[in-house]
Amino acid sequence: MYTGIVLGTETILSVQEHEGHHRIAVANTQGFFDDAFLGASIAIDGTCLTVCNIDPNKAQVSFDIAAQTLQLTTLAQLKVGAEVNVERSFKMGMENGGHSLYGHIEGTCQVIELSRLGETLHLKLKIPAEKMKYFFLKGFIGLHGCSLTVNQVNQQESYIAVDLIPETLRLTNFKALQLGDQLNFEIDQTTRTLVDTIEGIYQNKLNIPA
């Protein structure tokens, strides 16, 4: 489990394409992976990945990305030199300053509007229409691993809006965002459960013979 509080960014050192998966190596210049171990779960751009190799000097760690994950996320487009958001999994006793995330990416959304107000950044994001039912005003979204509050919802045009503060921009790869970029998004699993359950109950009632 994660909280959506990204530690910072690291650099992609290599991308190896294999049949059925990619393997990426991520630098460890900031010590985020100093206590990582084989099999550990770490979020890379919001996607929960498993550590599959650790450099003897801990200068880098490697992750395998399965075919389905490549299809659902932006990780298939990673190139050497790209900056990725990093979050370690939540440990008991830690402060949870964000929201509960699982690193299970729903898909990608597109930046359709990007505007600055002082040092803050306002993003309007196009969400797949069938996923819009899971978003509501002042709810939250996991965006490239960051837990962000939803400040606007437009069901008719299938978009939401979020605002990024200077500290979030400093710590993440959002500082390099451009119009049209794709971002990994995760929905709140509690919201999904409630919406799907109520939807199912409603559908069942409609199907009951009079």
Protein backbone atom coordinates (compact mmCIF):
# COMPACT_ATOMS: atom_id res chain seq x y z
CA MET A 1 0.00 0.00 0.00
CA TYR A 2 1.08 3.58 -0.70
CA THR A 3 -0.01 7.03 0.48
CA GLY A 4 0.54 9.03 -2.69
CA ILE A 5 3.32 11.10 -1.09
CA VAL A 6 6.11 10.83 -3.67
CA LEU A 7 9.65 10.86 -2.25
CA GLY A 8 11.19 12.43 -5.34
CA THR A 9 12.36 11.47 -8.81
CA GLU A 10 15.05 9.16 -10.13
CA THR A 11 16.44 8.55 -13.61
CA ILE A 12 15.91 5.60 -15.94
CA LEU A 13 19.35 4.10 -16.70
CA SER A 14 18.35 1.33 -19.08
CA VAL A 15 15.32 -0.23 -20.76
CA GLN A 16 15.50 -3.83 -21.97
CA GLU A 17 12.65 -5.14 -24.10
CA HIS A 18 11.96 -8.87 -23.72
CA GLU A 19 9.14 -11.04 -24.97
CA GLY A 20 6.25 -10.49 -22.59
CA HIS A 21 7.94 -7.86 -20.43
CA HIS A 22 10.34 -4.94 -20.18
CA ARG A 23 13.09 -4.59 -17.59
CA ILE A 24 14.04 -1.12 -16.42
CA ALA A 25 16.98 -0.03 -14.26
CA VAL A 26 16.45 3.01 -12.05
CA ALA A 27 19.24 5.09 -10.52
CA ASN A 28 19.62 5.42 -6.75
CA THR A 29 21.28 8.82 -6.51
CA GLN A 30 19.06 9.96 -3.62
CA GLY A 31 19.20 6.76 -1.56
CA PHE A 32 15.53 5.91 -1.97
CA PHE A 33 16.49 2.27 -2.55
CA ASP A 34 19.25 1.90 0.04
CA ASP A 35 17.21 -0.58 2.10
CA ALA A 36 15.38 -2.17 -0.84
CA PHE A 37 15.43 -5.95 -1.15
CA LEU A 38 14.57 -8.47 -3.85
CA GLY A 39 10.80 -8.80 -4.01
CA ALA A 40 10.12 -5.40 -2.46
CA SER A 41 7.19 -3.41 -3.88
CA ILE A 42 8.01 0.11 -5.03
CA ALA A 43 5.83 2.55 -6.97
CA ILE A 44 7.36 3.94 -10.16
CA ASP A 45 5.18 6.68 -11.69
CA GLY A 46 2.42 5.34 -9.48
CA THR A 47 2.71 1.74 -10.70
CA CYS A 48 3.48 -0.93 -8.11
CA LEU A 49 6.54 -2.85 -9.35
CA THR A 50 8.64 -5.61 -7.82
CA VAL A 51 12.39 -5.27 -7.32
CA CYS A 52 14.04 -8.03 -9.38
CA ASN A 53 17.70 -7.00 -9.20
CA ILE A 54 19.88 -4.77 -7.03
CA ASP A 55 23.28 -3.48 -8.07
CA PRO A 56 25.99 -4.69 -5.60
CA ASN A 57 26.90 -1.07 -4.91
CA LYS A 58 23.20 -0.11 -4.69
CA ALA A 59 23.75 2.39 -7.48
CA GLN A 60 20.62 1.11 -9.25
CA VAL A 61 17.69 -1.26 -8.90
CA SER A 62 15.78 -3.11 -11.62
CA PHE A 63 12.12 -3.88 -12.16
CA ASP A 64 10.26 -6.13 -14.59
CA ILE A 65 7.13 -4.70 -16.19
CA ALA A 66 4.56 -7.25 -17.37
CA ALA A 67 2.82 -6.99 -20.75
CA GLN A 68 -0.55 -5.99 -19.26
CA THR A 69 1.09 -3.24 -17.21
CA LEU A 70 2.81 -1.98 -20.35
CA GLN A 71 -0.57 -1.82 -22.09
CA LEU A 72 -2.29 0.05 -19.23
CA THR A 73 0.39 2.56 -18.26
CA THR A 74 2.91 5.04 -19.61
CA LEU A 75 5.79 2.75 -18.60
CA ALA A 76 5.97 1.32 -22.11
CA GLN A 77 7.16 4.73 -23.32
CA LEU A 78 10.00 5.08 -20.81
CA LYS A 79 13.35 5.99 -22.33
CA VAL A 80 16.85 6.19 -20.90
CA GLY A 81 17.22 9.51 -19.09
CA ALA A 82 13.52 9.86 -18.23
CA GLU A 83 12.66 11.06 -14.72
CA VAL A 84 10.18 8.92 -12.79
CA ASN A 85 8.32 9.48 -9.53
CA VAL A 86 9.32 7.12 -6.71
CA GLU A 87 7.42 6.06 -3.60
CA ARG A 88 8.29 3.29 -1.17
CA SER A 89 5.50 1.17 0.27
CA PHE A 90 3.82 2.30 3.49
CA LYS A 91 5.20 0.95 6.78
CA MET A 92 3.24 0.59 10.01
CA GLY A 93 3.81 3.55 12.29
CA MET A 94 4.51 6.00 9.47
CA GLU A 95 2.48 9.16 9.09
CA ASN A 96 -0.05 8.92 6.27
CA GLY A 97 -0.25 12.42 4.85
CA GLY A 98 -2.03 11.40 1.66
CA HIS A 99 -4.66 8.81 0.72
CA SER A 100 -4.60 5.03 0.46
CA LEU A 101 -3.28 3.92 -2.92
CA TYR A 102 -2.35 0.45 -4.17
CA GLY A 103 -0.26 1.15 -7.23
CA HIS A 104 -2.88 -0.60 -9.37
CA ILE A 105 -3.16 1.72 -12.33
CA GLU A 106 -6.57 2.07 -13.96
CA GLY A 107 -5.21 3.44 -17.22
CA THR A 108 -3.95 6.74 -18.57
CA CYS A 109 -5.50 10.18 -18.80
CA GLN A 110 -4.45 13.09 -20.99
CA VAL A 111 -3.48 16.63 -20.03
CA ILE A 112 -5.91 18.80 -22.05
CA GLU A 113 -5.30 22.09 -20.26
CA LEU A 114 -2.27 23.35 -18.38
CA SER A 115 -2.12 26.78 -16.80
CA ARG A 116 0.02 28.46 -14.15
CA LEU A 117 -1.03 30.80 -11.37
CA GLY A 118 2.10 32.04 -9.70
CA GLU A 119 4.07 28.94 -8.71
CA THR A 120 1.08 26.59 -8.85
CA LEU A 121 -0.06 24.49 -11.79
CA HIS A 122 -3.67 23.85 -12.79
CA LEU A 123 -4.30 20.67 -14.80
CA LYS A 124 -7.41 19.64 -16.67
CA LEU A 125 -7.38 15.91 -17.40
CA LYS A 126 -9.40 13.94 -19.94
CA ILE A 127 -10.61 10.75 -18.27
CA PRO A 128 -12.01 7.72 -20.15
CA ALA A 129 -15.79 8.27 -20.11
CA GLU A 130 -16.56 4.90 -18.50
CA LYS A 131 -14.34 5.79 -15.50
CA MET A 132 -15.89 9.19 -14.77
CA LYS A 133 -18.46 7.70 -12.41
CA TYR A 134 -15.67 7.13 -9.86
CA PHE A 135 -14.76 10.82 -9.52
CA PHE A 136 -16.46 13.50 -7.48
CA LEU A 137 -15.69 17.00 -6.23
CA LYS A 138 -13.14 16.97 -3.37
CA GLY A 139 -12.51 13.27 -3.89
CA PHE A 140 -9.03 12.21 -4.90
CA ILE A 141 -7.06 10.68 -7.72
CA GLY A 142 -3.70 8.93 -7.82
CA LEU A 143 -1.83 10.67 -10.64
CA HIS A 144 1.61 9.30 -11.56
CA GLY A 145 1.70 8.15 -7.94
CA CYS A 146 0.73 11.49 -6.37
CA SER A 147 -2.37 11.73 -4.22
CA LEU A 148 -4.25 14.79 -5.48
CA THR A 149 -7.58 16.39 -4.61
CA VAL A 150 -10.15 16.67 -7.40
CA ASN A 151 -11.20 20.33 -7.68
CA GLN A 152 -13.50 20.13 -10.69
CA VAL A 153 -15.59 17.40 -12.32
CA ASN A 154 -17.34 17.62 -15.68
CA GLN A 155 -19.26 14.41 -16.34
CA GLN A 156 -20.60 15.59 -19.71
CA GLU A 157 -17.18 16.34 -21.17
CA SER A 158 -15.34 13.60 -19.23
CA TYR A 159 -12.70 15.65 -17.51
CA ILE A 160 -11.53 16.54 -14.02
CA ALA A 161 -9.16 19.22 -12.75
CA VAL A 162 -6.45 19.24 -10.07
CA ASP A 163 -4.04 21.85 -8.76
CA LEU A 164 -0.38 21.26 -7.95
CA ILE A 165 1.42 23.26 -5.27
CA PRO A 166 5.08 24.31 -5.60
CA GLU A 167 6.33 21.53 -3.29
CA THR A 168 4.63 18.86 -5.41
CA LEU A 169 6.19 20.32 -8.54
CA ARG A 170 9.61 20.42 -6.88
CA LEU A 171 9.52 16.77 -5.85
CA THR A 172 7.93 15.20 -8.92
CA ASN A 173 8.27 14.96 -12.69
CA PHE A 174 5.14 17.11 -13.06
CA LYS A 175 7.44 20.10 -13.45
CA ALA A 176 8.14 18.93 -17.03
CA LEU A 177 4.49 18.32 -18.01
CA GLN A 178 3.33 19.47 -21.40
CA LEU A 179 -0.06 19.72 -23.05
CA GLY A 180 -1.12 16.35 -24.45
CA ASP A 181 1.01 14.27 -22.07
CA GLN A 182 -0.43 11.01 -20.76
CA LEU A 183 -0.42 10.27 -17.01
CA ASN A 184 -1.09 7.07 -15.07
CA PHE A 185 -4.16 7.34 -12.89
CA GLU A 186 -5.56 5.28 -10.03
CA ILE A 187 -9.06 5.57 -8.62
CA ASP A 188 -10.04 5.27 -4.97
CA GLN A 189 -10.86 1.61 -4.38
CA THR A 190 -13.44 2.44 -1.69
CA THR A 191 -15.28 4.66 -4.16
CA ARG A 192 -15.12 1.91 -6.78
CA THR A 193 -16.60 -0.62 -4.34
CA LEU A 194 -19.45 1.70 -3.35
CA VAL A 195 -20.29 2.77 -6.90
CA ASP A 196 -20.16 -0.76 -8.32
CA THR A 197 -22.18 -2.20 -5.42
CA ILE A 198 -24.92 0.41 -5.66
CA GLU A 199 -24.94 0.09 -9.44
CA GLY A 200 -25.27 -3.70 -9.13
CA ILE A 201 -28.12 -3.46 -6.62
CA TYR A 202 -29.95 -0.98 -8.84
CA GLN A 203 -29.53 -3.18 -11.91
CA ASN A 204 -30.76 -6.24 -10.02
CA LYS A 205 -33.88 -4.39 -8.88
CA LEU A 206 -34.62 -3.31 -12.42
CA ASN A 207 -34.40 -6.92 -13.58
CA ILE A 208 -36.76 -8.27 -10.90
CA PRO A 209 -40.12 -9.27 -12.50
CA ALA A 210 -43.07 -7.16 -11.34
